[in-house]
Amino acid sequence: MIYSEGKIGRVFIIRLEDGDKLPACIEKFAQEHKVTAGQAVMIGGIGSGEMVVGPRKNSMMPPDPMILPIDGVHEVVGVGVLAPDKKGKPSLHIHAALGRAGRTMTGCLRLGVKTWLVGEVVLYEILGADVARLPDAESGFELLQPKCKKKR
């Protein structure tokens, strides 16, 4: 385990509007408000987009993602971690559970989804944590890297 310690800074309560695209709109908000690290919690509705729902085979590197379209309006609850990418821009890794008519799918929203009517996000700024989201050669993912490299 590698970690970095920080403290809660500002807390933003954000109302997303119909058609706002995640994760891009939260990344833009973070950049405009100079939030470099944080946690986002979301509830609301998602109307369209695509979701990564896992790798096809767990032994293949880099993974071949399984992608499902979001067809129709879904309820959503999600949580993500915000960290700067290799260029210092905010990058939000957010996973969510989407439900409709008694069925649920869960996965990563990195390909982009659009809010339906309203989304509510609480963004907790984390101060003092020395972290970045950096490319990993083996997986092809941008992985969270605490820079202090403390091991427990």
N, C-alpha and C. Protein backbone atom coordinates (compact mmCIF):
# COMPACT_ATOMS: atom_id res chain seq x y z
N MET A 1 0.85 -1.17 0.00
CA MET A 1 0.00 0.00 0.00
C MET A 1 0.89 1.23 0.00
N ILE A 2 0.57 2.17 -0.85
CA ILE A 2 1.28 3.45 -0.91
C ILE A 2 0.25 4.54 -0.63
N TYR A 3 0.61 5.52 0.18
CA TYR A 3 -0.38 6.55 0.49
C TYR A 3 0.27 7.90 0.73
N SER A 4 -0.58 8.91 0.75
CA SER A 4 -0.19 10.26 1.09
C SER A 4 -1.30 10.82 1.97
N GLU A 5 -0.94 11.63 2.93
CA GLU A 5 -1.92 12.18 3.87
C GLU A 5 -2.24 13.62 3.52
N GLY A 6 -3.50 13.99 3.70
CA GLY A 6 -3.94 15.36 3.46
C GLY A 6 -5.04 15.73 4.42
N LYS A 7 -5.55 16.93 4.24
CA LYS A 7 -6.65 17.44 5.08
C LYS A 7 -7.74 17.99 4.18
N ILE A 8 -8.97 17.94 4.67
CA ILE A 8 -10.10 18.48 3.91
C ILE A 8 -9.98 20.00 3.86
N GLY A 9 -10.10 20.53 2.65
CA GLY A 9 -10.09 21.97 2.44
C GLY A 9 -11.51 22.45 2.21
N ARG A 10 -11.75 23.07 1.08
CA ARG A 10 -13.08 23.57 0.75
C ARG A 10 -14.01 22.41 0.39
N VAL A 11 -15.29 22.65 0.55
CA VAL A 11 -16.30 21.68 0.14
C VAL A 11 -17.26 22.41 -0.80
N PHE A 12 -17.42 21.87 -2.00
CA PHE A 12 -18.29 22.48 -3.00
C PHE A 12 -19.52 21.60 -3.19
N ILE A 13 -20.67 22.25 -3.23
CA ILE A 13 -21.92 21.56 -3.56
C ILE A 13 -22.31 22.05 -4.95
N ILE A 14 -22.36 21.13 -5.91
CA ILE A 14 -22.49 21.48 -7.31
C ILE A 14 -23.77 20.87 -7.88
N ARG A 15 -24.55 21.68 -8.56
CA ARG A 15 -25.73 21.16 -9.27
C ARG A 15 -25.38 21.07 -10.75
N LEU A 16 -25.35 19.85 -11.27
CA LEU A 16 -25.17 19.65 -12.70
C LEU A 16 -26.51 19.82 -13.38
N GLU A 17 -26.49 20.33 -14.60
CA GLU A 17 -27.72 20.56 -15.33
C GLU A 17 -27.85 19.57 -16.48
N ASP A 18 -29.03 19.52 -17.04
CA ASP A 18 -29.34 18.60 -18.13
C ASP A 18 -28.29 18.70 -19.23
N GLY A 19 -27.67 17.58 -19.57
CA GLY A 19 -26.69 17.53 -20.65
C GLY A 19 -25.26 17.77 -20.25
N ASP A 20 -24.99 18.14 -18.99
CA ASP A 20 -23.61 18.30 -18.54
C ASP A 20 -22.91 16.95 -18.67
N LYS A 21 -21.67 16.97 -19.18
CA LYS A 21 -20.94 15.72 -19.44
C LYS A 21 -19.91 15.46 -18.35
N LEU A 22 -20.03 14.26 -17.76
CA LEU A 22 -19.07 13.80 -16.75
C LEU A 22 -18.06 12.87 -17.40
N PRO A 23 -16.85 12.81 -16.97
CA PRO A 23 -16.25 13.55 -15.87
C PRO A 23 -15.75 14.94 -16.25
N ALA A 24 -15.85 15.32 -17.54
CA ALA A 24 -15.27 16.58 -18.03
C ALA A 24 -15.74 17.82 -17.27
N CYS A 25 -17.03 17.91 -16.94
CA CYS A 25 -17.52 19.13 -16.29
C CYS A 25 -16.96 19.28 -14.87
N ILE A 26 -16.74 18.19 -14.17
CA ILE A 26 -16.16 18.28 -12.83
C ILE A 26 -14.67 18.61 -12.93
N GLU A 27 -13.98 18.05 -13.93
CA GLU A 27 -12.57 18.38 -14.14
C GLU A 27 -12.41 19.86 -14.47
N LYS A 28 -13.29 20.40 -15.31
CA LYS A 28 -13.25 21.82 -15.66
C LYS A 28 -13.51 22.69 -14.43
N PHE A 29 -14.52 22.30 -13.63
CA PHE A 29 -14.83 23.03 -12.41
C PHE A 29 -13.61 23.05 -11.48
N ALA A 30 -12.98 21.89 -11.31
CA ALA A 30 -11.82 21.78 -10.44
C ALA A 30 -10.69 22.69 -10.93
N GLN A 31 -10.47 22.71 -12.23
CA GLN A 31 -9.41 23.55 -12.78
C GLN A 31 -9.72 25.03 -12.55
N GLU A 32 -10.96 25.43 -12.78
CA GLU A 32 -11.36 26.83 -12.59
C GLU A 32 -11.25 27.27 -11.14
N HIS A 33 -11.46 26.34 -10.19
CA HIS A 33 -11.43 26.67 -8.76
C HIS A 33 -10.13 26.23 -8.08
N LYS A 34 -9.15 25.81 -8.91
CA LYS A 34 -7.83 25.42 -8.42
C LYS A 34 -7.87 24.32 -7.36
N VAL A 35 -8.71 23.32 -7.64
CA VAL A 35 -8.76 22.12 -6.80
C VAL A 35 -7.85 21.08 -7.47
N THR A 36 -6.78 20.70 -6.80
CA THR A 36 -5.85 19.75 -7.41
C THR A 36 -6.12 18.31 -7.01
N ALA A 37 -6.62 18.10 -5.80
CA ALA A 37 -6.93 16.74 -5.34
C ALA A 37 -8.25 16.78 -4.59
N GLY A 38 -9.01 15.70 -4.69
CA GLY A 38 -10.29 15.70 -3.99
C GLY A 38 -11.06 14.41 -4.18
N GLN A 39 -12.24 14.40 -3.58
CA GLN A 39 -13.17 13.30 -3.72
C GLN A 39 -14.50 13.87 -4.18
N ALA A 40 -15.13 13.21 -5.14
CA ALA A 40 -16.44 13.62 -5.63
C ALA A 40 -17.45 12.52 -5.34
N VAL A 41 -18.60 12.93 -4.84
CA VAL A 41 -19.72 12.02 -4.59
C VAL A 41 -20.90 12.57 -5.39
N MET A 42 -21.59 11.70 -6.12
CA MET A 42 -22.65 12.15 -7.01
C MET A 42 -23.92 11.34 -6.86
N ILE A 43 -25.07 12.02 -7.01
CA ILE A 43 -26.37 11.37 -7.16
C ILE A 43 -27.13 12.12 -8.25
N GLY A 44 -28.13 11.49 -8.82
CA GLY A 44 -28.95 12.17 -9.81
C GLY A 44 -29.37 11.25 -10.93
N GLY A 45 -29.41 11.83 -12.14
CA GLY A 45 -29.84 11.07 -13.30
C GLY A 45 -28.82 11.14 -14.42
N ILE A 46 -28.68 10.03 -15.15
CA ILE A 46 -27.81 9.96 -16.32
C ILE A 46 -28.70 9.57 -17.49
N GLY A 47 -28.56 10.32 -18.60
CA GLY A 47 -29.43 10.07 -19.75
C GLY A 47 -28.79 9.36 -20.91
N SER A 48 -27.45 9.51 -21.06
CA SER A 48 -26.79 8.87 -22.20
C SER A 48 -25.29 8.78 -21.96
N GLY A 49 -24.64 8.01 -22.81
CA GLY A 49 -23.20 7.85 -22.74
C GLY A 49 -22.82 6.39 -22.77
N GLU A 50 -21.58 6.13 -22.38
CA GLU A 50 -21.07 4.76 -22.34
C GLU A 50 -20.33 4.54 -21.03
N MET A 51 -20.33 3.28 -20.61
CA MET A 51 -19.73 2.92 -19.33
C MET A 51 -18.79 1.73 -19.53
N VAL A 52 -17.61 1.81 -18.92
CA VAL A 52 -16.68 0.68 -18.94
C VAL A 52 -17.08 -0.24 -17.80
N VAL A 53 -17.38 -1.50 -18.12
CA VAL A 53 -17.92 -2.42 -17.12
C VAL A 53 -16.97 -3.58 -16.81
N GLY A 54 -15.73 -3.43 -17.20
CA GLY A 54 -14.74 -4.44 -16.83
C GLY A 54 -13.87 -4.84 -18.01
N PRO A 55 -12.79 -5.52 -17.72
CA PRO A 55 -11.98 -6.07 -18.80
C PRO A 55 -12.59 -7.39 -19.28
N ARG A 56 -12.39 -7.69 -20.56
CA ARG A 56 -12.90 -8.96 -21.10
C ARG A 56 -12.20 -10.15 -20.44
N LYS A 57 -10.89 -10.03 -20.25
CA LYS A 57 -10.11 -11.09 -19.60
C LYS A 57 -9.21 -10.44 -18.57
N ASN A 58 -9.19 -10.99 -17.36
CA ASN A 58 -8.40 -10.37 -16.30
C ASN A 58 -6.91 -10.59 -16.46
N SER A 59 -6.49 -11.49 -17.33
CA SER A 59 -5.07 -11.78 -17.49
C SER A 59 -4.44 -11.00 -18.65
N MET A 60 -5.22 -10.29 -19.45
CA MET A 60 -4.70 -9.59 -20.62
C MET A 60 -4.25 -8.17 -20.24
N MET A 61 -3.02 -7.81 -20.64
CA MET A 61 -2.51 -6.47 -20.42
C MET A 61 -1.99 -5.92 -21.74
N PRO A 62 -2.34 -4.71 -22.10
CA PRO A 62 -3.33 -3.89 -21.42
C PRO A 62 -4.72 -4.49 -21.59
N PRO A 63 -5.62 -4.21 -20.66
CA PRO A 63 -6.95 -4.81 -20.69
C PRO A 63 -7.76 -4.37 -21.91
N ASP A 64 -8.59 -5.26 -22.38
CA ASP A 64 -9.56 -4.96 -23.44
C ASP A 64 -10.86 -4.60 -22.72
N PRO A 65 -11.25 -3.31 -22.73
CA PRO A 65 -12.42 -2.92 -21.94
C PRO A 65 -13.74 -3.42 -22.51
N MET A 66 -14.64 -3.78 -21.64
CA MET A 66 -16.02 -4.09 -22.02
C MET A 66 -16.79 -2.78 -21.86
N ILE A 67 -17.51 -2.39 -22.90
CA ILE A 67 -18.20 -1.10 -22.89
C ILE A 67 -19.68 -1.33 -23.14
N LEU A 68 -20.51 -0.72 -22.30
CA LEU A 68 -21.96 -0.80 -22.48
C LEU A 68 -22.53 0.59 -22.71
N PRO A 69 -23.46 0.71 -23.67
CA PRO A 69 -24.14 2.00 -23.86
C PRO A 69 -25.17 2.21 -22.76
N ILE A 70 -25.41 3.46 -22.45
CA ILE A 70 -26.47 3.79 -21.50
C ILE A 70 -27.68 4.15 -22.33
N ASP A 71 -28.67 3.26 -22.32
CA ASP A 71 -29.86 3.46 -23.15
C ASP A 71 -31.03 3.81 -22.25
N GLY A 72 -31.38 5.05 -22.24
CA GLY A 72 -32.48 5.51 -21.40
C GLY A 72 -31.98 6.10 -20.11
N VAL A 73 -32.86 6.81 -19.46
CA VAL A 73 -32.51 7.52 -18.22
C VAL A 73 -32.32 6.53 -17.08
N HIS A 74 -31.23 6.71 -16.34
CA HIS A 74 -30.89 5.87 -15.19
C HIS A 74 -30.68 6.74 -13.95
N GLU A 75 -31.04 6.22 -12.81
CA GLU A 75 -30.65 6.82 -11.54
C GLU A 75 -29.16 6.54 -11.36
N VAL A 76 -28.44 7.42 -10.67
CA VAL A 76 -27.00 7.22 -10.51
C VAL A 76 -26.55 7.57 -9.09
N VAL A 77 -25.62 6.78 -8.61
CA VAL A 77 -24.86 7.13 -7.41
C VAL A 77 -23.41 6.78 -7.75
N GLY A 78 -22.52 7.73 -7.52
CA GLY A 78 -21.13 7.51 -7.90
C GLY A 78 -20.16 8.17 -6.95
N VAL A 79 -18.92 7.70 -7.02
CA VAL A 79 -17.86 8.28 -6.19
C VAL A 79 -16.57 8.25 -7.00
N GLY A 80 -15.77 9.30 -6.84
CA GLY A 80 -14.54 9.36 -7.60
C GLY A 80 -13.43 10.07 -6.84
N VAL A 81 -12.21 9.91 -7.37
CA VAL A 81 -11.03 10.55 -6.81
C VAL A 81 -10.44 11.46 -7.87
N LEU A 82 -10.20 12.71 -7.49
CA LEU A 82 -9.64 13.72 -8.36
C LEU A 82 -8.16 13.88 -8.04
N ALA A 83 -7.33 13.84 -9.07
CA ALA A 83 -5.89 14.06 -8.89
C ALA A 83 -5.35 14.66 -10.18
N PRO A 84 -4.23 15.40 -10.10
CA PRO A 84 -3.69 15.98 -11.32
C PRO A 84 -3.05 14.93 -12.22
N ASP A 85 -3.21 15.10 -13.54
CA ASP A 85 -2.55 14.20 -14.48
C ASP A 85 -1.10 14.63 -14.68
N LYS A 86 -0.41 14.02 -15.63
CA LYS A 86 1.02 14.30 -15.81
C LYS A 86 1.28 15.75 -16.23
N LYS A 87 0.25 16.44 -16.75
CA LYS A 87 0.39 17.85 -17.13
C LYS A 87 -0.12 18.79 -16.04
N GLY A 88 -0.59 18.21 -14.92
CA GLY A 88 -1.10 19.02 -13.81
C GLY A 88 -2.57 19.37 -13.90
N LYS A 89 -3.27 18.85 -14.91
CA LYS A 89 -4.70 19.13 -15.05
C LYS A 89 -5.50 18.14 -14.21
N PRO A 90 -6.62 18.59 -13.61
CA PRO A 90 -7.44 17.69 -12.80
C PRO A 90 -7.98 16.52 -13.63
N SER A 91 -7.86 15.32 -13.08
CA SER A 91 -8.35 14.11 -13.73
C SER A 91 -9.21 13.34 -12.72
N LEU A 92 -10.47 13.14 -13.07
CA LEU A 92 -11.42 12.48 -12.17
C LEU A 92 -11.63 11.03 -12.59
N HIS A 93 -11.30 10.11 -11.70
CA HIS A 93 -11.60 8.69 -11.90
C HIS A 93 -12.86 8.42 -11.09
N ILE A 94 -13.97 8.19 -11.79
CA ILE A 94 -15.26 8.04 -11.11
C ILE A 94 -15.96 6.76 -11.55
N HIS A 95 -16.40 6.00 -10.56
CA HIS A 95 -17.20 4.80 -10.79
C HIS A 95 -18.60 5.07 -10.26
N ALA A 96 -19.58 4.41 -10.88
CA ALA A 96 -20.96 4.65 -10.49
C ALA A 96 -21.80 3.41 -10.70
N ALA A 97 -22.90 3.37 -9.97
CA ALA A 97 -23.94 2.37 -10.18
C ALA A 97 -25.12 3.10 -10.79
N LEU A 98 -25.59 2.58 -11.93
CA LEU A 98 -26.73 3.16 -12.62
C LEU A 98 -27.87 2.16 -12.60
N GLY A 99 -29.05 2.63 -12.25
CA GLY A 99 -30.20 1.73 -12.16
C GLY A 99 -31.37 2.23 -12.97
N ARG A 100 -32.11 1.26 -13.52
CA ARG A 100 -33.33 1.55 -14.30
C ARG A 100 -34.21 0.32 -14.28
N ALA A 101 -35.44 0.49 -13.91
CA ALA A 101 -36.44 -0.57 -13.96
C ALA A 101 -35.99 -1.84 -13.23
N GLY A 102 -35.36 -1.66 -12.08
CA GLY A 102 -34.95 -2.81 -11.27
C GLY A 102 -33.65 -3.46 -11.70
N ARG A 103 -32.98 -2.92 -12.71
CA ARG A 103 -31.70 -3.47 -13.18
C ARG A 103 -30.59 -2.45 -12.91
N THR A 104 -29.42 -2.94 -12.56
CA THR A 104 -28.31 -2.06 -12.23
C THR A 104 -27.07 -2.47 -13.00
N MET A 105 -26.32 -1.47 -13.46
CA MET A 105 -24.99 -1.73 -14.01
C MET A 105 -24.02 -0.81 -13.28
N THR A 106 -22.82 -1.32 -13.09
CA THR A 106 -21.81 -0.60 -12.33
C THR A 106 -20.52 -0.57 -13.13
N GLY A 107 -19.85 0.58 -13.12
CA GLY A 107 -18.59 0.66 -13.84
C GLY A 107 -18.00 2.05 -13.81
N CYS A 108 -17.04 2.28 -14.69
CA CYS A 108 -16.28 3.52 -14.77
C CYS A 108 -16.92 4.44 -15.81
N LEU A 109 -17.01 5.72 -15.47
CA LEU A 109 -17.64 6.71 -16.36
C LEU A 109 -16.63 7.44 -17.23
N ARG A 110 -15.40 6.94 -17.34
CA ARG A 110 -14.33 7.67 -18.02
C ARG A 110 -14.61 8.01 -19.48
N LEU A 111 -15.47 7.24 -20.15
CA LEU A 111 -15.76 7.52 -21.56
C LEU A 111 -16.72 8.69 -21.73
N GLY A 112 -17.40 9.07 -20.65
CA GLY A 112 -18.29 10.22 -20.68
C GLY A 112 -19.76 9.84 -20.66
N VAL A 113 -20.49 10.47 -19.77
CA VAL A 113 -21.94 10.31 -19.67
C VAL A 113 -22.56 11.70 -19.53
N LYS A 114 -23.82 11.80 -19.92
CA LYS A 114 -24.50 13.09 -19.82
C LYS A 114 -25.59 13.04 -18.75
N THR A 115 -25.63 14.10 -17.97
CA THR A 115 -26.64 14.25 -16.94
C THR A 115 -28.03 14.35 -17.57
N TRP A 116 -28.98 13.70 -16.94
CA TRP A 116 -30.38 13.86 -17.32
C TRP A 116 -31.04 14.72 -16.26
N LEU A 117 -31.56 15.84 -16.63
CA LEU A 117 -32.27 16.79 -15.78
C LEU A 117 -31.37 17.39 -14.70
N VAL A 118 -30.89 16.55 -13.77
CA VAL A 118 -30.09 17.10 -12.68
C VAL A 118 -29.13 16.06 -12.12
N GLY A 119 -27.99 16.54 -11.71
CA GLY A 119 -27.03 15.73 -10.97
C GLY A 119 -26.54 16.57 -9.80
N GLU A 120 -26.31 15.95 -8.70
CA GLU A 120 -25.82 16.67 -7.52
C GLU A 120 -24.48 16.07 -7.12
N VAL A 121 -23.48 16.94 -6.99
CA VAL A 121 -22.12 16.50 -6.67
C VAL A 121 -21.63 17.27 -5.46
N VAL A 122 -21.03 16.54 -4.53
CA VAL A 122 -20.28 17.18 -3.44
C VAL A 122 -18.82 16.88 -3.74
N LEU A 123 -18.04 17.95 -3.88
CA LEU A 123 -16.62 17.84 -4.16
C LEU A 123 -15.85 18.30 -2.93
N TYR A 124 -15.13 17.36 -2.32
CA TYR A 124 -14.30 17.64 -1.15
C TYR A 124 -12.87 17.88 -1.62
N GLU A 125 -12.35 19.05 -1.38
CA GLU A 125 -10.97 19.35 -1.72
C GLU A 125 -10.05 18.71 -0.68
N ILE A 126 -8.97 18.11 -1.14
CA ILE A 126 -7.98 17.53 -0.22
C ILE A 126 -6.69 18.33 -0.36
N LEU A 127 -6.27 18.92 0.74
CA LEU A 127 -5.07 19.75 0.76
C LEU A 127 -3.89 18.98 1.31
N GLY A 128 -2.72 19.21 0.74
CA GLY A 128 -1.48 18.65 1.29
C GLY A 128 -1.15 17.24 0.85
N ALA A 129 -2.04 16.58 0.13
CA ALA A 129 -1.75 15.22 -0.34
C ALA A 129 -0.94 15.35 -1.63
N ASP A 130 0.21 14.75 -1.66
CA ASP A 130 1.10 14.83 -2.82
C ASP A 130 0.81 13.63 -3.72
N VAL A 131 -0.12 13.81 -4.67
CA VAL A 131 -0.56 12.73 -5.54
C VAL A 131 -0.62 13.19 -6.99
N ALA A 132 -0.60 12.23 -7.88
CA ALA A 132 -0.79 12.50 -9.31
C ALA A 132 -1.38 11.25 -9.95
N ARG A 133 -2.01 11.44 -11.08
CA ARG A 133 -2.56 10.34 -11.87
C ARG A 133 -1.64 10.20 -13.08
N LEU A 134 -0.81 9.14 -13.07
CA LEU A 134 0.25 8.99 -14.07
C LEU A 134 0.07 7.74 -14.92
N PRO A 135 0.54 7.79 -16.18
CA PRO A 135 0.41 6.63 -17.06
C PRO A 135 1.18 5.43 -16.53
N ASP A 136 0.54 4.26 -16.63
CA ASP A 136 1.15 2.99 -16.26
C ASP A 136 1.37 2.21 -17.55
N ALA A 137 2.64 1.89 -17.84
CA ALA A 137 2.99 1.24 -19.11
C ALA A 137 2.30 -0.11 -19.29
N GLU A 138 2.20 -0.91 -18.24
CA GLU A 138 1.65 -2.26 -18.37
C GLU A 138 0.15 -2.26 -18.65
N SER A 139 -0.61 -1.48 -17.85
CA SER A 139 -2.07 -1.50 -17.98
C SER A 139 -2.59 -0.50 -19.01
N GLY A 140 -1.81 0.55 -19.28
CA GLY A 140 -2.30 1.61 -20.16
C GLY A 140 -3.20 2.60 -19.44
N PHE A 141 -3.45 2.39 -18.16
CA PHE A 141 -4.30 3.28 -17.36
C PHE A 141 -3.47 4.42 -16.80
N GLU A 142 -4.16 5.50 -16.42
CA GLU A 142 -3.53 6.55 -15.63
C GLU A 142 -3.87 6.22 -14.18
N LEU A 143 -2.86 5.78 -13.43
CA LEU A 143 -3.08 5.30 -12.06
C LEU A 143 -2.70 6.35 -11.03
N LEU A 144 -3.44 6.35 -9.93
CA LEU A 144 -3.16 7.25 -8.82
C LEU A 144 -1.82 6.89 -8.21
N GLN A 145 -0.94 7.88 -8.09
CA GLN A 145 0.39 7.67 -7.53
C GLN A 145 0.66 8.66 -6.41
N PRO A 146 0.56 8.22 -5.15
CA PRO A 146 1.01 9.09 -4.07
C PRO A 146 2.52 9.27 -4.21
N LYS A 147 2.97 10.52 -4.22
CA LYS A 147 4.38 10.79 -4.50
C LYS A 147 5.29 10.56 -3.32
N CYS A 148 4.75 10.58 -2.10
CA CYS A 148 5.62 10.42 -0.94
C CYS A 148 6.05 8.96 -0.77
N LYS A 149 5.33 8.03 -1.40
CA LYS A 149 5.67 6.61 -1.39
C LYS A 149 5.86 6.01 -0.02
N LYS A 150 5.07 6.44 0.92
CA LYS A 150 5.09 5.81 2.25
C LYS A 150 4.42 4.46 2.11
N LYS A 151 5.00 3.44 2.68
CA LYS A 151 4.41 2.11 2.64
C LYS A 151 4.01 1.70 4.04
N ARG A 152 2.93 1.01 4.09
CA ARG A 152 2.41 0.55 5.37
C ARG A 152 2.58 -0.93 5.49
